[in-house]
Amino acid sequence: AFSLSNPSIFNSAILAELPFYQMLFIDLNIKANYIAHSRIGITLNYCNTFPSLSNCYVYQNQIYSNQNSNYTGIYVMASDANTIRWNEIHTGSEGITLDNLQNSLVQNNRINDMLRYGIHISNPSIYTEYSCNLLSKCFYGFFFDNPSISDQVWYNDRSQDNQWFDANTTNDALRRMVGTINNPTKRWYHQVINDYSLSNSYCPYLVPVNPIYPYIIPYPNSPINPDCNSLKSSTTLNDPYKQLRMIIKDSVVYDTLPIENKYMAKEFAYNMLNNNPNILTLGTSNDIVFQNFHNTLINTNIGNFAKVQKFIGNKNFAAARALNTTIIPQNMMETNSKEVNRICLNRIVMDSTVSTIDSLTLVNIALQSPSTGGKAVYRARAILDIYPLPLVQQNNSLLPQTVQTITENNSAINVYPNPATDKLFVETNNYLEGTATLELFDVTGKLCFNTTIIATLNLQTIDISNVKKGIYNLRIITKNKTANQKLIIIK
């Protein structure tokens, strides 16, 4: 098979991206697919739903790959109110990678034989529940990359019933959970009477030498969860709105980036109330607290950005553009949101092409960290179809991943980095017979650069210092094949 790979999606077999607006009155169901040997099996980016009006399900998929350090089963970014369940993922690097997944359910997945992590969680993960997952022979079961999470307890104080069958025999204390959490200590409910040992496959088995130890409190002897197939919502100590109240009362403490995390939490809380108005009138003591919070923010930037998204969801683009224009950003996240909205709405309402300046604006946003740049970073990446290369932990060092460009018979030409500055590196891996041509075209289709790749040189350095910054189509032409991918050049 001959295939084109995006710099970080790496031949995702199924890719769903909704960078412009939330799903409204539509469902997204990715169900019962058999996926083999794809760099990433299923990728979702900015697939947000309105729980009462739409759903996003990723379930009953079977994903297999070679035991390769760069293979991931399911990769979800900036997608709220999703359900990921009943998937089987076998061999690879990471089973399920979740980057900013909130108010969601990750349940009953079977993850087997991962070189690094069974489930990898980063950025906000508020109101996302992890239950009934089986992690077998994963070097680490759960890896927490400094996210904000909620207490993990099923309804009626029942256990989460995650199970670990371990593979990391070199360090028993780090086999089931590792990493750090950004908000206060969280409770993890599990079954089996007062058994904290490795013989209890339901226990996170946390000991003081583990960095995650101060952040997770195991709660043993919880009632067994009788039905892991239930869709019933979980609660936090029989109080499903405890963390929502904490956010609203500004009582959550964050270890890193407190200003940014408080803003994202407040934005999440507002959108949760705004998209689920029944929470405002439950007839409890929460009502007045939630109503005052919602009414206070409704005409602030957070409220106005939510209105813009609803206008877009209802295809009232002129109203969305008019409101977006009036917003005066107060931080980088709001600046990015306004810019992405502006560029998209101008393209639709004014039927205008995206200028080079706007393209570079999107590039600048896409290259930011979502922790400081907000969800607009994910949207910019989806619009441009680019993703900065993630770092891979190897022998306690962080190394950049390569970019696979052409594959055939398990061999490849790799081109990296992307984004690039003044040099490109090309690995031929003994794939070429003779030579190949590498060409760069700008957004107008003009050929701006070309050079020859020589088969006898396994690693070649290409000088692109004279190529202007911008977005280019990189084309590689071999004897019988042609492949294209986006390349970003920054100076």
Protein backbone atom coordinates (compact mmCIF):
# COMPACT_ATOMS: atom_id res chain seq x y z
CA ALA A 1 0.00 0.00 0.00
CA PHE A 2 1.16 3.51 -0.82
CA SER A 3 -0.08 6.25 1.43
CA LEU A 4 0.27 9.90 2.39
CA SER A 5 0.79 10.73 6.04
CA ASN A 6 -0.06 13.97 7.77
CA PRO A 7 2.69 15.25 10.10
CA SER A 8 0.98 14.07 13.27
CA ILE A 9 -2.19 12.26 12.29
CA PHE A 10 0.09 9.65 10.69
CA ASN A 11 -2.41 7.90 8.47
CA SER A 12 -5.36 7.89 10.84
CA ALA A 13 -7.72 5.31 9.39
CA ILE A 14 -10.78 7.30 10.51
CA LEU A 15 -10.55 11.06 11.04
CA ALA A 16 -13.40 13.27 12.30
CA GLU A 17 -12.79 17.01 12.63
CA LEU A 18 -15.34 19.74 13.27
CA PRO A 19 -13.20 22.85 13.78
CA PHE A 20 -15.92 25.33 12.92
CA TYR A 21 -18.87 24.54 15.16
CA GLN A 22 -20.31 22.10 17.66
CA MET A 23 -22.50 19.26 16.48
CA LEU A 24 -26.11 20.34 16.70
CA PHE A 25 -29.04 18.01 15.94
CA ILE A 26 -26.66 15.41 14.45
CA ASP A 27 -25.01 12.28 15.82
CA LEU A 28 -21.54 10.96 15.09
CA ASN A 29 -21.25 7.19 15.46
CA ILE A 30 -17.93 5.48 14.72
CA LYS A 31 -18.95 1.88 15.23
CA ALA A 32 -17.84 -1.68 14.51
CA ASN A 33 -14.80 -0.92 12.38
CA TYR A 34 -11.86 -3.29 11.98
CA ILE A 35 -8.64 -1.29 11.66
CA ALA A 36 -5.21 -2.83 11.17
CA HIS A 37 -1.74 -1.28 11.02
CA SER A 38 -2.74 2.38 10.84
CA ARG A 39 -0.53 4.96 12.55
CA ILE A 40 -3.62 6.02 14.50
CA GLY A 41 -6.80 4.00 14.31
CA ILE A 42 -9.40 6.71 15.04
CA THR A 43 -8.79 10.45 15.49
CA LEU A 44 -11.38 12.95 16.74
CA ASN A 45 -10.61 16.66 16.93
CA TYR A 46 -13.06 19.27 18.25
CA CYS A 47 -16.06 16.96 17.97
CA ASN A 48 -18.16 18.68 20.63
CA THR A 49 -21.78 17.76 21.18
CA PHE A 50 -24.82 19.19 22.91
CA PRO A 51 -25.78 16.28 25.22
CA SER A 52 -29.51 16.81 24.81
CA LEU A 53 -29.35 17.40 21.06
CA SER A 54 -26.51 15.29 19.69
CA ASN A 55 -24.16 12.44 20.54
CA CYS A 56 -20.69 11.27 19.64
CA TYR A 57 -19.99 7.57 20.09
CA VAL A 58 -16.80 5.64 19.38
CA TYR A 59 -17.63 2.05 20.18
CA GLN A 60 -17.25 -1.61 19.26
CA ASN A 61 -14.18 -0.96 17.12
CA GLN A 62 -11.32 -3.45 16.83
CA ILE A 63 -7.92 -1.89 16.29
CA TYR A 64 -4.72 -3.87 15.72
CA SER A 65 -1.19 -2.76 14.87
CA ASN A 66 2.36 -3.92 14.94
CA GLN A 67 4.04 -3.46 18.29
CA ASN A 68 5.58 -0.21 17.12
CA SER A 69 6.51 2.77 19.31
CA ASN A 70 4.46 5.16 17.17
CA TYR A 71 1.07 3.42 16.99
CA THR A 72 -2.02 4.70 18.83
CA GLY A 73 -5.48 3.14 18.86
CA ILE A 74 -7.82 6.10 19.54
CA TYR A 75 -6.75 9.75 19.78
CA VAL A 76 -9.34 12.32 20.94
CA MET A 77 -8.66 16.08 21.20
CA ALA A 78 -10.83 18.92 22.50
CA SER A 79 -14.04 16.92 22.25
CA ASP A 80 -16.66 17.25 24.99
CA ALA A 81 -19.57 14.94 25.78
CA ASN A 82 -18.17 11.91 23.93
CA THR A 83 -18.63 8.23 24.70
CA ILE A 84 -15.72 5.86 24.06
CA ARG A 85 -16.67 2.32 24.95
CA TRP A 86 -16.48 -1.37 24.05
CA ASN A 87 -13.41 -0.89 21.87
CA GLU A 88 -10.66 -3.51 21.59
CA ILE A 89 -7.14 -2.22 20.99
CA HIS A 90 -4.26 -4.64 20.59
CA THR A 91 -0.50 -3.95 20.45
CA GLY A 92 1.13 -0.62 19.79
CA SER A 93 2.36 2.39 21.73
CA GLU A 94 -0.74 3.94 23.34
CA GLY A 95 -4.21 2.50 23.53
CA ILE A 96 -6.38 5.60 24.06
CA THR A 97 -4.93 9.12 24.12
CA LEU A 98 -7.23 11.84 25.48
CA ASP A 99 -6.25 15.49 25.18
CA ASN A 100 -8.87 17.83 26.65
CA LEU A 101 -11.82 15.44 26.84
CA GLN A 102 -14.48 16.67 29.27
CA ASN A 103 -17.91 15.52 30.42
CA SER A 104 -17.37 12.18 28.70
CA LEU A 105 -17.41 8.45 29.35
CA VAL A 106 -14.45 6.13 28.70
CA GLN A 107 -15.81 2.71 29.56
CA ASN A 108 -15.41 -0.99 29.01
CA ASN A 109 -12.50 -0.76 26.60
CA ARG A 110 -10.07 -3.68 26.27
CA ILE A 111 -6.49 -2.49 25.80
CA ASN A 112 -3.74 -5.05 25.42
CA ASP A 113 0.04 -5.04 25.02
CA MET A 114 1.00 -1.34 24.84
CA LEU A 115 4.66 -0.32 24.87
CA ARG A 116 3.90 2.87 26.78
CA TYR A 117 0.40 3.65 28.06
CA GLY A 118 -2.99 2.03 28.10
CA ILE A 119 -4.83 5.33 28.62
CA HIS A 120 -3.00 8.67 28.32
CA ILE A 121 -4.81 11.73 29.75
CA SER A 122 -3.72 15.37 29.36
CA ASN A 123 -5.22 18.86 29.75
CA PRO A 124 -8.67 19.33 31.35
CA SER A 125 -10.60 16.11 31.90
CA ILE A 126 -13.38 17.39 34.15
CA TYR A 127 -16.47 15.17 34.53
CA THR A 128 -14.91 12.43 32.42
CA GLU A 129 -15.34 8.96 33.92
CA TYR A 130 -12.99 6.02 33.41
CA SER A 131 -14.72 2.78 34.31
CA CYS A 132 -14.67 -0.94 33.54
CA ASN A 133 -11.59 -0.65 31.33
CA LEU A 134 -9.28 -3.66 31.17
CA LEU A 135 -5.60 -2.85 30.69
CA SER A 136 -3.53 -5.94 30.02
CA LYS A 137 0.25 -5.96 29.59
CA CYS A 138 0.54 -2.19 29.21
CA PHE A 139 3.89 -0.82 30.40
CA TYR A 140 1.89 1.82 32.26
CA GLY A 141 -1.86 1.51 32.70
CA PHE A 142 -2.98 5.15 33.16
CA PHE A 143 -0.59 8.01 32.40
CA PHE A 144 -1.72 11.39 33.77
CA ASP A 145 0.02 14.20 31.90
CA ASN A 146 -0.96 16.86 34.46
CA PRO A 147 -4.70 16.98 33.66
CA SER A 148 -7.52 18.27 35.83
CA ILE A 149 -9.78 15.32 36.65
CA SER A 150 -12.85 14.49 38.75
CA ASP A 151 -13.32 11.89 41.47
CA GLN A 152 -13.67 8.45 39.94
CA VAL A 153 -16.73 6.80 41.45
CA TRP A 154 -19.67 5.09 39.76
CA TYR A 155 -23.28 5.71 40.81
CA ASN A 156 -24.28 4.87 44.39
CA ASP A 157 -20.63 4.91 45.49
CA ARG A 158 -19.86 1.86 43.37
CA SER A 159 -16.34 1.08 42.24
CA GLN A 160 -14.99 2.03 38.83
CA ASP A 161 -14.01 -1.60 38.14
CA ASN A 162 -10.99 -0.80 36.00
CA GLN A 163 -8.64 -3.78 35.93
CA TRP A 164 -4.91 -4.07 35.42
CA PHE A 165 -2.99 -7.14 34.29
CA ASP A 166 0.54 -5.87 34.50
CA ALA A 167 3.52 -5.86 32.16
CA ASN A 168 5.96 -3.45 33.84
CA THR A 169 7.88 -5.97 35.90
CA THR A 170 10.90 -3.69 36.31
CA ASN A 171 9.13 -1.42 38.79
CA ASP A 172 5.99 -2.67 40.48
CA ALA A 173 5.30 0.73 42.02
CA LEU A 174 4.90 2.42 38.63
CA ARG A 175 2.97 -0.13 36.70
CA ARG A 176 -0.69 0.87 36.98
CA MET A 177 -0.73 4.66 37.28
CA VAL A 178 1.96 7.25 36.72
CA GLY A 179 2.24 11.01 36.22
CA THR A 180 0.77 14.02 38.01
CA ILE A 181 -2.62 15.74 38.31
CA ASN A 182 -3.11 19.49 38.22
CA ASN A 183 -6.00 19.87 40.68
CA PRO A 184 -6.49 18.67 44.28
CA THR A 185 -6.33 15.03 45.36
CA LYS A 186 -8.98 12.82 43.77
CA ARG A 187 -10.63 9.65 45.01
CA TRP A 188 -10.50 6.43 43.02
CA TYR A 189 -13.09 3.87 44.08
CA HIS A 190 -12.30 0.19 43.60
CA GLN A 191 -13.50 -3.16 44.89
CA VAL A 192 -12.03 -5.96 47.07
CA ILE A 193 -11.91 -5.56 50.85
CA ASN A 194 -8.98 -3.43 52.05
CA ASP A 195 -6.60 -4.98 49.56
CA TYR A 196 -3.96 -2.56 48.24
CA SER A 197 -1.66 -5.27 46.90
CA LEU A 198 -0.77 -6.21 43.36
CA SER A 199 -2.85 -9.35 43.74
CA ASN A 200 -5.94 -7.11 43.59
CA SER A 201 -6.27 -6.42 39.88
CA TYR A 202 -8.82 -3.66 40.61
CA CYS A 203 -6.50 -1.64 42.87
CA PRO A 204 -4.41 1.24 41.42
CA TYR A 205 -1.60 0.06 43.73
CA LEU A 206 -0.08 3.40 44.69
CA VAL A 207 2.99 3.67 46.91
CA PRO A 208 4.93 6.77 48.08
CA VAL A 209 7.70 6.43 45.49
CA ASN A 210 5.16 6.87 42.70
CA PRO A 211 4.82 10.55 41.61
CA ILE A 212 1.05 10.11 41.34
CA TYR A 213 0.82 9.02 44.99
CA PRO A 214 -0.10 12.46 46.45
CA TYR A 215 -2.83 13.01 43.86
CA ILE A 216 -4.93 9.81 44.00
CA ILE A 217 -6.58 8.26 47.07
CA PRO A 218 -7.68 4.66 46.47
CA TYR A 219 -11.04 3.83 48.08
CA PRO A 220 -11.22 0.04 48.54
CA ASN A 221 -14.19 -2.11 49.51
CA SER A 222 -16.58 -0.17 47.30
CA PRO A 223 -19.69 -2.05 46.13
CA ILE A 224 -19.04 -4.01 42.96
CA ASN A 225 -20.40 -2.35 39.85
CA PRO A 226 -23.00 -4.91 38.68
CA ASP A 227 -23.46 -3.52 35.21
CA CYS A 228 -20.52 -2.00 33.38
CA ASN A 229 -22.72 -1.82 30.30
CA SER A 230 -25.00 0.71 31.96
CA LEU A 231 -25.32 4.17 30.44
CA LYS A 232 -26.31 5.58 33.81
CA SER A 233 -24.38 8.71 34.68
CA SER A 234 -21.87 8.53 37.50
CA THR A 235 -21.87 10.72 40.57
CA THR A 236 -19.26 12.18 42.85
CA LEU A 237 -20.02 10.83 46.32
CA ASN A 238 -23.71 10.96 45.41
CA ASP A 239 -23.24 14.64 44.55
CA PRO A 240 -22.84 14.97 40.77
CA TYR A 241 -22.39 18.75 40.93
CA LYS A 242 -19.71 18.96 43.61
CA GLN A 243 -16.91 19.90 41.22
CA LEU A 244 -19.17 22.27 39.32
CA ARG A 245 -19.84 24.14 42.56
CA MET A 246 -16.13 24.21 43.33
CA ILE A 247 -15.40 25.77 39.93
CA ILE A 248 -18.17 28.33 40.32
CA LYS A 249 -17.00 29.26 43.83
CA ASP A 250 -13.41 29.50 42.58
CA SER A 251 -12.21 27.04 45.21
CA VAL A 252 -10.22 24.70 42.92
CA VAL A 253 -6.44 25.02 43.32
CA TYR A 254 -4.21 24.28 40.34
CA ASP A 255 -0.52 23.43 40.64
CA THR A 256 0.43 24.88 37.23
CA LEU A 257 -0.97 27.65 35.03
CA PRO A 258 -3.67 28.59 37.57
CA ILE A 259 -4.99 31.59 35.58
CA GLU A 260 -5.37 29.61 32.38
CA ASN A 261 -6.85 26.57 34.11
CA LYS A 262 -9.34 28.65 36.08
CA TYR A 263 -10.46 30.32 32.87
CA MET A 264 -10.90 26.97 31.07
CA ALA A 265 -12.79 25.55 34.05
CA LYS A 266 -15.09 28.56 34.18
CA GLU A 267 -15.68 28.30 30.43
CA PHE A 268 -16.48 24.59 30.82
CA ALA A 269 -18.87 25.24 33.73
CA TYR A 270 -20.73 27.96 31.81
CA ASN A 271 -21.08 25.82 28.69
CA MET A 272 -22.27 22.87 30.75
CA LEU A 273 -25.04 24.98 32.30
CA ASN A 274 -25.83 26.74 29.05
CA ASN A 275 -26.11 23.48 27.10
CA ASN A 276 -28.03 21.72 29.89
CA PRO A 277 -30.46 24.36 31.22
CA ASN A 278 -32.33 21.74 33.27
CA ILE A 279 -29.42 21.86 35.74
CA LEU A 280 -30.45 25.43 36.60
CA THR A 281 -33.85 24.36 37.94
CA LEU A 282 -33.43 21.06 39.78
CA GLY A 283 -35.19 22.36 42.88
CA THR A 284 -32.07 22.09 45.06
CA SER A 285 -29.83 24.54 46.89
CA ASN A 286 -27.60 24.53 43.81
CA ASP A 287 -30.18 26.37 41.73
CA ILE A 288 -29.47 29.89 42.95
CA VAL A 289 -25.69 29.34 42.83
CA PHE A 290 -25.79 28.03 39.28
CA GLN A 291 -28.30 30.63 38.07
CA ASN A 292 -26.26 33.54 39.46
CA PHE A 293 -23.09 32.17 37.84
CA HIS A 294 -24.81 31.66 34.49
CA ASN A 295 -26.46 35.08 34.53
CA THR A 296 -23.21 36.79 35.49
CA LEU A 297 -21.32 35.30 32.53
CA ILE A 298 -24.04 35.39 29.89
CA ASN A 299 -22.96 38.79 28.55
CA THR A 300 -19.22 38.37 29.18
CA ASN A 301 -16.77 37.12 26.56
CA ILE A 302 -17.33 33.52 27.68
CA GLY A 303 -21.06 33.93 27.18
CA ASN A 304 -20.65 35.74 23.87
CA PHE A 305 -18.32 33.10 22.45
CA ALA A 306 -20.93 30.49 23.38
CA LYS A 307 -23.56 32.55 21.52
CA VAL A 308 -21.29 32.74 18.47
CA GLN A 309 -21.01 28.95 18.45
CA LYS A 310 -24.78 28.53 18.71
CA PHE A 311 -25.34 31.02 15.88
CA ILE A 312 -22.91 29.00 13.77
CA GLY A 313 -24.58 25.74 14.77
CA ASN A 314 -27.89 27.19 13.58
CA LYS A 315 -26.19 28.46 10.39
CA ASN A 316 -26.90 32.07 11.28
CA PHE A 317 -23.43 33.06 10.10
CA ALA A 318 -24.12 36.77 9.68
CA ALA A 319 -25.21 37.08 13.32
CA ALA A 320 -22.20 35.04 14.45
CA ARG A 321 -19.83 37.28 12.50
CA ALA A 322 -21.43 40.46 13.82
CA LEU A 323 -21.24 39.32 17.45
CA ASN A 324 -17.70 37.99 17.10
CA THR A 325 -16.58 41.38 15.80
CA THR A 326 -17.77 43.10 19.00
CA ILE A 327 -15.80 40.86 21.38
CA ILE A 328 -12.75 42.50 22.95
CA PRO A 329 -10.37 39.67 24.02
CA GLN A 330 -9.01 39.72 27.56
CA ASN A 331 -6.44 36.93 27.23
CA MET A 332 -4.63 34.78 24.66
CA MET A 333 -7.35 32.12 24.61
CA GLU A 334 -9.98 34.69 23.72
CA THR A 335 -7.72 36.33 21.13
CA ASN A 336 -7.24 32.96 19.45
CA SER A 337 -10.96 32.14 19.54
CA LYS A 338 -11.89 35.46 17.99
CA GLU A 339 -9.28 35.12 15.25
CA VAL A 340 -10.28 31.58 14.28
CA ASN A 341 -13.95 32.60 14.26
CA ARG A 342 -13.15 35.69 12.18
CA ILE A 343 -11.20 33.79 9.53
CA CYS A 344 -13.81 31.03 9.23
CA LEU A 345 -16.78 33.40 9.19
CA ASN A 346 -15.17 35.70 6.62
CA ARG A 347 -14.63 32.68 4.42
CA ILE A 348 -18.32 31.71 4.66
CA VAL A 349 -20.13 35.04 4.92
CA MET A 350 -17.93 37.08 2.60
CA ASP A 351 -17.03 34.13 0.35
CA SER A 352 -13.44 35.30 0.55
CA THR A 353 -10.31 33.22 0.23
CA VAL A 354 -8.02 32.82 3.21
CA SER A 355 -5.19 35.28 2.74
CA THR A 356 -1.54 34.49 3.36
CA ILE A 357 -1.64 36.72 6.46
CA ASP A 358 -4.65 34.83 7.83
CA SER A 359 -2.98 31.52 7.01
CA LEU A 360 0.06 32.56 9.03
CA THR A 361 -2.25 33.71 11.84
CA LEU A 362 -3.71 30.21 11.92
CA VAL A 363 -0.21 28.73 11.86
CA ASN A 364 0.78 30.88 14.83
CA ILE A 365 -2.27 29.66 16.77
CA ALA A 366 -1.78 26.02 15.74
CA LEU A 367 1.78 26.03 17.06
CA GLN A 368 0.78 27.24 20.52
CA SER A 369 0.25 24.97 23.50
CA PRO A 370 -3.46 24.34 24.13
CA SER A 371 -2.73 24.80 27.84
CA THR A 372 -2.20 28.51 27.22
CA GLY A 373 -3.79 29.03 23.82
CA GLY A 374 -7.10 27.29 24.53
CA LYS A 375 -9.34 25.19 22.32
CA ALA A 376 -8.83 27.48 19.34
CA VAL A 377 -5.41 25.83 19.00
CA TYR A 378 -7.09 22.52 18.16
CA ARG A 379 -9.41 24.26 15.72
CA ALA A 380 -6.52 25.95 13.90
CA ARG A 381 -4.70 22.64 13.64
CA ALA A 382 -7.77 20.96 12.18
CA ILE A 383 -8.36 23.77 9.66
CA LEU A 384 -4.76 23.63 8.46
CA ASP A 385 -4.60 19.85 8.74
CA ILE A 386 -1.34 20.15 10.64
CA TYR A 387 -0.25 19.00 14.05
CA PRO A 388 3.09 19.91 15.65
CA LEU A 389 5.08 16.77 16.24
CA PRO A 390 4.51 15.38 19.71
CA LEU A 391 7.42 14.32 21.86
CA VAL A 392 7.97 10.66 22.61
CA GLN A 393 9.47 9.51 25.89
CA GLN A 394 12.33 7.10 25.26
CA ASN A 395 14.95 6.14 27.83
CA ASN A 396 13.78 9.04 30.01
CA SER A 397 14.41 11.53 27.20
CA LEU A 398 11.87 13.40 25.07
CA LEU A 399 12.53 12.86 21.38
CA PRO A 400 10.61 14.27 18.36
CA GLN A 401 8.74 11.79 16.25
CA THR A 402 9.55 11.49 12.56
CA VAL A 403 7.06 12.19 9.78
CA GLN A 404 6.29 9.27 7.53
CA THR A 405 5.66 10.50 3.99
CA ILE A 406 5.68 7.49 1.67
CA THR A 407 5.23 3.88 2.64
CA GLU A 408 5.46 0.76 0.55
CA ASN A 409 6.25 -2.79 1.62
CA ASN A 410 6.98 -1.62 5.18
CA SER A 411 9.66 0.80 3.99
CA ALA A 412 9.33 4.56 4.02
CA ILE A 413 10.63 7.97 3.13
CA ASN A 414 10.50 10.21 6.22
CA VAL A 415 10.60 14.01 6.06
CA TYR A 416 10.96 16.12 9.20
CA PRO A 417 10.57 18.43 11.08
CA ASN A 418 7.21 20.02 10.43
CA PRO A 419 7.04 22.95 11.05
CA ALA A 420 10.53 23.58 9.67
CA THR A 421 12.78 26.63 9.73
CA ASP A 422 15.86 26.43 7.53
CA LYS A 423 16.48 22.68 7.12
CA LEU A 424 14.57 19.55 6.19
CA PHE A 425 15.84 16.06 6.90
CA VAL A 426 14.95 13.23 4.55
CA GLU A 427 15.40 9.56 5.42
CA THR A 428 15.10 7.18 2.46
CA ASN A 429 15.45 3.96 4.50
CA ASN A 430 16.74 2.13 1.41
CA TYR A 431 13.34 2.60 -0.20
CA LEU A 432 14.41 4.50 -3.30
CA GLU A 433 15.69 3.07 -6.52
CA GLY A 434 17.57 5.81 -8.32
CA THR A 435 16.35 9.28 -7.34
CA ALA A 436 13.25 11.20 -6.34
CA THR A 437 12.23 14.83 -6.61
CA LEU A 438 11.11 16.98 -3.68
CA GLU A 439 9.06 20.07 -4.57
CA LEU A 440 7.44 22.87 -2.57
CA PHE A 441 4.38 24.75 -3.91
CA ASP A 442 2.87 27.83 -2.24
CA VAL A 443 -0.86 28.37 -1.66
CA THR A 444 -1.28 29.75 -5.19
CA GLY A 445 0.23 26.63 -6.75
CA LYS A 446 3.52 28.29 -7.67
CA LEU A 447 6.61 26.07 -7.57
CA CYS A 448 8.93 27.71 -5.03
CA PHE A 449 11.59 25.07 -4.47
CA ASN A 450 12.74 21.75 -5.84
CA THR A 451 15.65 19.43 -5.27
CA THR A 452 16.74 15.84 -5.91
CA ILE A 453 16.76 13.09 -3.31
CA ILE A 454 19.53 10.56 -3.91
CA ALA A 455 18.88 6.91 -3.17
CA THR A 456 22.39 6.12 -1.97
CA LEU A 457 22.17 8.70 0.82
CA ASN A 458 20.02 7.26 3.60
CA LEU A 459 19.84 10.60 5.47
CA GLN A 460 19.96 13.90 3.58
CA THR A 461 19.84 17.49 4.80
CA ILE A 462 18.02 19.94 2.54
CA ASP A 463 18.67 23.67 2.89
CA ILE A 464 15.41 25.65 2.74
CA SER A 465 16.78 28.83 4.34
CA ASN A 466 15.92 30.83 1.20
CA VAL A 467 12.28 29.70 1.20
CA LYS A 468 9.92 32.27 2.72
CA LYS A 469 7.77 31.42 5.73
CA GLY A 470 4.32 30.13 4.91
CA ILE A 471 2.24 27.03 4.21
CA TYR A 472 3.44 24.82 1.37
CA ASN A 473 2.39 21.67 -0.39
CA LEU A 474 5.36 19.31 -0.23
CA ARG A 475 5.42 16.85 -3.10
CA ILE A 476 7.71 13.85 -3.45
CA ILE A 477 7.86 12.18 -6.84
CA THR A 478 9.47 8.75 -7.15
CA LYS A 479 9.75 6.52 -10.17
CA ASN A 480 6.19 5.23 -9.86
CA LYS A 481 4.59 7.22 -7.03
CA THR A 482 3.67 10.75 -6.02
CA ALA A 483 2.74 11.89 -2.51
CA ASN A 484 1.73 15.26 -1.09
CA GLN A 485 1.54 16.72 2.40
CA LYS A 486 1.39 20.14 4.01
CA LEU A 487 4.65 21.68 5.19
CA ILE A 488 4.86 24.79 7.34
CA ILE A 489 7.96 26.95 7.25
CA ILE A 490 8.48 29.40 10.09
CA LYS A 491 11.33 31.91 10.50
